[in-house]
Protein backbone atom coordinates (compact mmCIF):
# COMPACT_ATOMS: atom_id res chain seq x y z
CA MET A 1 104.97 145.61 -2.57
CA PRO A 2 108.64 145.42 -1.32
CA LEU A 3 108.85 142.31 0.96
CA LEU A 4 109.69 143.53 4.85
CA LEU A 5 112.58 141.48 6.63
CA ALA A 6 113.35 141.97 10.32
CA VAL A 7 117.10 140.86 11.17
CA ALA A 8 117.69 140.35 14.98
CA GLY A 9 121.69 141.09 15.76
CA ALA A 10 122.08 142.63 12.30
CA SER A 11 125.42 143.97 13.86
CA GLY A 12 126.84 140.48 14.89
CA ARG A 13 129.50 138.89 12.53
CA PHE A 14 126.70 136.53 10.70
CA GLY A 15 123.88 139.15 10.95
CA ARG A 16 125.85 141.56 9.09
CA CYS A 17 126.76 138.96 6.34
CA VAL A 18 122.98 138.18 6.06
CA VAL A 19 122.10 142.14 5.84
CA GLN A 20 124.52 142.61 3.08
CA GLU A 21 123.17 139.62 1.01
CA LEU A 22 119.75 140.90 1.54
CA LEU A 23 120.35 144.02 0.21
CA LYS A 24 121.45 142.97 -2.88
CA LYS A 25 118.03 141.78 -3.48
CA PRO A 26 115.46 143.59 -5.52
CA ASP A 27 112.04 144.58 -4.22
CA ILE A 28 112.82 144.24 -0.29
CA SER A 29 113.15 146.28 2.78
CA VAL A 30 115.32 145.63 5.81
CA LEU A 31 114.94 146.50 9.49
CA GLY A 32 117.72 145.79 11.35
CA LEU A 33 118.08 145.25 15.41
CA VAL A 34 121.06 146.01 17.11
CA ARG A 35 122.46 146.81 20.54
CA ASP A 36 125.21 149.52 19.27
CA SER A 37 124.31 151.36 15.86
CA SER A 38 128.26 152.63 15.65
CA LYS A 39 128.73 148.79 14.49
CA VAL A 40 126.73 148.95 11.55
CA ALA A 41 128.77 149.60 8.52
CA ALA A 42 128.28 152.91 6.67
CA ALA A 43 127.29 150.77 3.42
CA ILE A 44 124.41 149.27 5.17
CA ARG A 45 123.34 152.39 6.87
CA SER A 46 123.50 154.37 3.98
CA SER A 47 120.95 152.11 1.82
CA PRO A 48 117.94 153.30 0.97
CA VAL A 49 116.01 150.06 1.96
CA PHE A 50 117.71 149.73 5.33
CA GLU A 51 116.09 150.89 8.50
CA LEU A 52 117.83 150.80 11.90
CA LEU A 53 116.48 149.86 15.35
CA GLU A 54 118.73 150.32 18.10
CA GLY A 55 117.84 148.73 21.52
CA ASP A 56 117.78 145.64 23.60
CA VAL A 57 116.79 142.09 22.30
CA THR A 58 115.29 141.11 25.37
CA ASP A 59 112.93 144.47 25.65
CA SER A 60 109.64 143.66 24.45
CA VAL A 61 108.60 147.01 23.36
CA THR A 62 111.58 147.04 21.14
CA LEU A 63 110.76 143.63 19.84
CA ARG A 64 107.09 144.82 18.97
CA GLN A 65 108.60 147.24 16.81
CA LEU A 66 110.74 145.33 15.09
CA VAL A 67 108.32 142.44 14.02
CA LYS A 68 105.43 144.72 13.22
CA GLY A 69 104.13 144.32 10.06
CA VAL A 70 107.14 142.12 8.90
CA ASP A 71 107.05 139.05 6.26
CA VAL A 72 109.85 137.13 7.96
CA VAL A 73 111.81 137.46 10.99
CA ILE A 74 115.63 136.33 10.77
CA SER A 75 117.61 135.80 13.78
CA ALA A 76 120.93 136.09 13.73
CA LEU A 77 121.24 136.14 17.72
CA MET A 78 124.44 134.78 19.57
CA GLY A 79 125.11 134.51 23.02
CA SER A 80 124.94 132.20 26.29
CA ASP A 81 122.99 129.36 26.33
CA SER A 82 120.07 130.76 28.40
CA PHE A 83 120.24 133.69 26.16
CA MET A 84 119.86 131.63 23.15
CA PHE A 85 116.83 129.96 24.34
CA GLU A 86 114.98 132.67 26.24
CA ALA A 87 115.66 135.91 23.76
CA GLN A 88 114.67 133.38 20.79
CA LYS A 89 111.61 132.41 22.52
CA GLN A 90 110.61 135.68 23.21
CA LEU A 91 111.29 136.80 19.79
CA VAL A 92 108.86 133.82 18.57
CA ASP A 93 106.06 134.50 20.61
CA LEU A 94 106.15 138.24 19.66
CA SER A 95 106.37 137.47 16.13
CA GLU A 96 103.32 135.03 16.32
CA GLU A 97 101.37 137.77 18.18
CA ALA A 98 102.32 140.05 15.40
CA ASN A 99 101.35 137.36 12.67
CA VAL A 100 104.71 137.38 11.02
CA PRO A 101 104.48 134.08 8.68
CA ARG A 102 107.85 132.71 9.21
CA PHE A 103 110.79 132.81 11.80
CA ILE A 104 114.41 131.82 10.58
CA ALA A 105 115.93 130.76 13.76
CA SER A 106 119.68 130.82 15.06
CA ASP A 107 122.11 129.37 14.99
CA TYR A 108 123.20 128.17 11.55
CA THR A 109 125.08 125.00 12.17
CA LEU A 110 125.32 121.00 12.08
CA ASP A 111 121.96 119.25 12.29
CA TYR A 112 121.07 119.25 15.95
CA THR A 113 118.02 117.56 15.47
CA LYS A 114 120.08 114.41 15.17
CA LEU A 115 121.57 115.05 18.62
CA GLU A 116 120.38 113.90 22.10
CA TYR A 117 120.39 116.20 24.84
CA GLY A 118 123.91 116.67 26.00
CA GLN A 119 125.62 115.21 23.25
CA LEU A 120 126.85 118.73 22.04
CA PRO A 121 125.66 121.00 24.84
CA SER A 122 125.99 124.37 23.20
CA LYS A 123 123.34 123.16 20.58
CA ASP A 124 120.66 122.32 23.39
CA PRO A 125 118.84 125.46 23.36
CA MET A 126 118.73 125.37 19.77
CA LYS A 127 117.05 121.95 20.08
CA LYS A 128 114.54 123.53 22.64
CA ILE A 129 113.80 126.28 19.92
CA TYR A 130 113.08 123.92 17.39
CA GLU A 131 110.73 121.96 19.53
CA TYR A 132 109.25 124.97 20.70
CA LEU A 133 108.16 126.07 17.29
CA GLN A 134 106.69 122.92 16.52
CA GLY A 135 103.46 124.27 18.51
CA LYS A 136 103.47 127.54 16.92
CA SER A 137 101.22 129.12 14.26
CA ILE A 138 104.27 130.63 12.78
CA LYS A 139 106.41 128.55 10.73
CA GLY A 140 109.75 128.09 11.91
CA VAL A 141 112.90 127.63 9.47
CA HIS A 142 115.88 125.84 10.53
CA VAL A 143 119.24 126.25 8.62
CA PHE A 144 122.00 123.44 8.59
CA ILE A 145 125.34 124.25 6.95
CA GLY A 146 127.51 121.76 9.26
CA ALA A 147 130.53 123.60 10.56
CA PHE A 148 131.68 127.44 9.57
CA LEU A 149 134.55 126.97 7.17
CA ASP A 150 135.85 130.21 8.80
CA THR A 151 135.64 128.72 12.41
CA PHE A 152 137.13 125.47 11.05
CA TRP A 153 140.62 127.56 10.47
CA THR A 154 140.59 129.31 13.92
CA GLN A 155 143.06 128.24 16.61
CA TRP A 156 140.37 127.88 18.76
CA PHE A 157 138.95 124.78 16.81
CA GLY A 158 142.09 123.06 17.19
CA ILE A 159 142.85 121.74 13.91
CA TRP A 160 144.83 123.97 11.94
CA ASN A 161 148.29 125.13 12.96
CA PRO A 162 149.72 128.15 10.94
CA GLU A 163 153.02 127.86 12.31
CA GLU A 164 153.61 124.19 12.08
CA LEU A 165 151.53 124.05 8.60
CA SER A 166 149.72 121.34 10.12
CA LEU A 167 146.19 119.61 10.38
CA SER A 168 145.35 117.89 13.40
CA PHE A 169 142.42 115.07 13.53
CA TRP A 170 140.91 112.49 15.10
CA GLY A 171 140.04 109.37 13.21
CA THR A 172 141.55 108.20 9.87
CA GLY A 173 141.56 111.54 8.14
CA ASP A 174 139.16 110.19 5.64
CA GLU A 175 135.70 110.76 7.44
CA VAL A 176 133.55 113.29 5.57
CA TRP A 177 133.25 116.97 7.17
CA GLU A 178 130.48 119.52 5.81
CA LEU A 179 131.89 122.93 5.86
CA THR A 180 130.17 126.37 4.55
CA SER A 181 131.69 129.94 4.99
CA TYR A 182 129.49 132.47 6.80
CA GLU A 183 129.25 134.46 3.69
CA ASN A 184 128.16 131.36 1.59
CA THR A 185 125.64 130.46 4.53
CA ALA A 186 124.44 134.62 4.54
CA GLU A 187 123.52 133.99 0.44
CA PHE A 188 121.38 130.92 1.22
CA VAL A 189 119.77 132.32 4.25
CA ALA A 190 118.84 135.22 1.81
CA GLU A 191 117.45 133.29 -0.55
CA VAL A 192 115.25 131.04 1.91
CA ALA A 193 114.25 134.54 3.44
CA LEU A 194 112.84 135.44 0.24
CA ASP A 195 111.04 131.86 -0.49
CA ASN A 196 107.90 131.98 0.90
CA ASN A 197 107.78 127.90 0.57
CA ALA A 198 110.70 127.50 2.65
CA THR A 199 109.95 126.41 6.18
CA GLY A 200 110.74 123.62 8.51
CA ILE A 201 114.74 122.25 7.88
CA GLN A 202 116.70 123.84 5.16
CA ASN A 203 120.07 121.96 4.29
CA PHE A 204 122.78 123.52 2.32
CA VAL A 205 126.51 123.05 2.74
CA GLY A 206 129.63 124.77 0.76
CA ASP A 207 131.65 121.57 0.68
CA ARG A 208 131.72 117.92 1.92
CA THR A 209 135.59 116.88 1.91
CA SER A 210 137.76 115.26 4.35
CA ILE A 211 140.93 116.59 6.38
CA ARG A 212 143.10 114.64 3.84
CA GLY A 213 141.05 116.23 1.15
CA ILE A 214 141.71 119.50 2.44
CA ALA A 215 145.28 119.06 2.83
CA GLU A 216 145.37 117.94 -0.91
CA ILE A 217 143.42 121.08 -2.02
CA PHE A 218 145.67 123.28 0.22
CA GLU A 219 148.89 121.97 -1.79
CA GLU A 220 146.74 122.61 -5.13
CA VAL A 221 146.21 126.42 -4.03
CA HIS A 222 149.21 127.52 -1.63
CA GLY A 223 151.72 124.88 -3.23
CA GLN A 224 152.66 123.52 0.06
CA LYS A 225 150.91 120.61 1.85
CA PRO A 226 150.32 120.59 5.38
CA SER A 227 151.49 117.74 7.48
CA LEU A 228 148.80 115.56 9.08
CA LYS A 229 148.78 114.82 12.77
CA GLN A 230 146.54 112.06 14.13
CA LEU A 231 145.54 112.34 17.61
CA GLY A 232 144.00 108.99 17.80
CA SER A 233 140.75 107.14 16.72
CA LEU A 234 137.16 108.77 16.88
CA ASN A 235 136.81 106.37 19.81
CA ASP A 236 139.61 107.89 21.68
CA LEU A 237 138.26 111.40 21.07
CA LYS A 238 134.60 110.01 22.16
CA ALA A 239 136.31 108.70 25.12
CA VAL A 240 138.00 112.11 26.08
CA ILE A 241 134.84 114.02 25.55
CA ASP A 242 132.86 111.70 28.00
CA SER A 243 135.51 112.34 30.71
CA THR A 244 135.14 116.22 30.26
CA ASN A 245 134.52 118.14 33.20
CA ARG A 246 131.67 120.18 32.11
CA ASP A 247 131.76 122.64 35.11
CA GLU A 248 134.90 124.13 33.39
CA ASP A 249 135.11 126.99 30.79
CA PRO A 250 132.75 125.45 27.84
CA MET A 251 135.38 127.32 25.50
CA THR A 252 138.03 125.00 26.53
CA TRP A 253 136.51 121.67 25.65
CA LEU A 254 133.62 122.46 23.14
CA PRO A 255 136.06 122.14 20.18
CA LEU A 256 136.51 118.47 20.40
CA PHE A 257 132.83 118.32 20.84
CA TYR A 258 132.63 119.85 17.75
CA GLN A 259 135.45 118.00 16.15
CA TYR A 260 133.37 114.63 17.08
CA TYR A 261 130.30 115.57 15.84
CA CYS A 262 131.19 117.14 12.76
CA SER A 263 133.14 114.01 11.57
CA ASN A 264 131.36 111.10 13.07
CA GLY A 265 128.49 111.51 10.35
CA GLN A 266 125.49 111.90 13.04
CA THR A 267 124.55 115.48 12.11
CA HIS A 268 125.47 115.14 8.36
CA ALA A 269 122.84 116.42 5.87
CA GLY A 270 124.05 114.22 3.36
CA PRO A 271 125.29 114.95 -0.12
CA GLY A 272 121.71 116.13 -1.35
CA ALA A 273 122.80 119.38 0.70
CA LEU A 274 125.04 120.09 -2.33
CA GLY A 275 122.02 120.85 -4.24
CA THR A 276 120.06 123.77 -4.20
CA PRO A 277 116.97 124.90 -5.53
CA TYR A 278 118.02 128.56 -6.15
CA PRO A 279 119.86 128.84 -9.67
CA ALA A 280 121.77 132.01 -8.57
CA LEU A 281 123.29 130.37 -5.53
CA ARG A 282 126.59 128.77 -5.79
CA HIS A 283 128.03 126.38 -3.31
CA ARG A 284 131.51 127.90 -2.39
CA GLY A 285 133.89 125.03 -1.39
CA VAL A 286 137.23 124.80 0.50
CA LYS A 287 139.05 125.54 -2.79
CA GLU A 288 137.47 128.74 -3.05
CA TYR A 289 137.87 129.94 0.29
CA LEU A 290 141.93 129.04 0.31
CA GLN A 291 142.00 131.00 -3.18
CA ASN A 292 140.50 133.86 -1.28
CA HIS A 293 142.97 133.78 2.00
CA SER A 294 146.63 133.24 2.37
CA THR A 295 148.11 131.17 4.55
CA GLU A 296 148.93 134.11 6.97
CA THR A 297 145.30 135.28 7.33
CA LEU A 298 143.28 131.96 7.38
CA ALA A 299 143.40 131.45 11.41
CA THR A 300 142.02 134.98 12.16
CA ALA A 301 139.77 135.45 8.49
CA MET A 302 136.93 134.56 10.73
CA PHE A 303 137.19 137.82 12.78
CA VAL A 304 136.69 139.85 9.86
CA VAL A 305 133.76 138.34 8.74
CA GLY A 306 131.31 140.92 7.30
CA THR A 307 133.48 143.70 7.64
CA LYS A 308 134.23 144.02 3.88
CA ASN A 309 131.54 146.73 3.10
């Protein structure tokens, strides 16, 4: 009997990637919840093992339809802090009510269980969901992948400057970063979803390297070495984020928080995350990512993730 998997947020950037990977697997069926069915790619809609459910993720009637009789619920939801907790909490409760065995929680990121509340504010809702699942009969699954490699190259993240061909950083430039692309993360999530024994924290990273290492790989692939711009020490960066006015738009200051907690080692999964129990799964590192993206497309590559099909 095919495994039935439900994906909440199936038309979002990461949700698309997850559905695409799941549909490559044998003996499965996928039920995808979306707000707008027009955003679902034709290749996905036409799959005989994909069923589309259009509705509001906060509507309990819709969610009961989504979770009824499924083997795994995968949350690919993204939104405000309050949404990420309240919407997922309701989805957890209704999944448990429907006797769903496992719930794969969003979002897919660095190990926020190693953070204190308030250190990286955007991860506080995920910490709450992690703790909420500890007291439930449904088994929670939490996928930690470091930072999205696609996001790393965006203008918003504040490191890569395509006009200057430069990489800016705090610290020495030798600090290890754990980075995984959206697509490689989705490959891992698909394997975890099909593995009934995969519960709790699941670590996987595409690569572990430094800013200086990234510059060297960049030169190897593209024949040009980015200039390196040191902005200060990690202690300097910590002083900057400690003085941040958090009443301002978070999108203006969150990148500095991410840069600090991605590079200071606190949230790292460690070298063991470069291993995997899934033989068919490859770690797709910085070199492969750069081979697949030109210098002109790096800064915007994130915005077309999951649209290839």
